[in-house]
Amino acid sequence: MLTIHAADEGGAVAVAGTRVAAVGSLTELTERFPDARVRQWPGGVLGPARVHDGPLPDAPTPRERIHAVLKEGAVAVLEEHADTAELRAAAARNDVLVLPSTRPTTITENARADLAVFDEKGECMATVCAGRLVHRRR
């Protein structure tokens, strides 16, 4: 199912499966994809998800350490910090990328759908990793 994610700032992004189908205004995308599900994130700024470039947050299990990164709006970690087989497996199960170095993040058509919405304080409201909503704050 195609989903359009939109926030007060940052426009809107149409996501089909794991990929970005289109980028534009909410009006443009709802006209182009009238049957799409719309997720609106009021009070937030929509943009690319982050690369977590420091040590992973402390948590009891590798899965919880990866989930803590997703809650921060990141969908990628550096391989130097995912330094055990258990952490790399938890990352893979959650579609979190393990990168050799940091890289710029963007939202472009046909790219992997990695998005995040941040509130005015910079706290993550929602994270979309490879097209899946993996975190949302109520």
Foldseek 3Di string as FASTA:
>chain_A
DWEWEEEPAAAIFIDDQFFTADTHHPVVVCVVVVPHHYDYDYQWHKWFFAEPEDAFDDDDALLVSQLVSQQQRHQEYECVRCPDPRNVVSSVVVLRHHHPHGDDTGHDGGDGDWMFIAHPVSGTQWTAHSNRTSDHDD
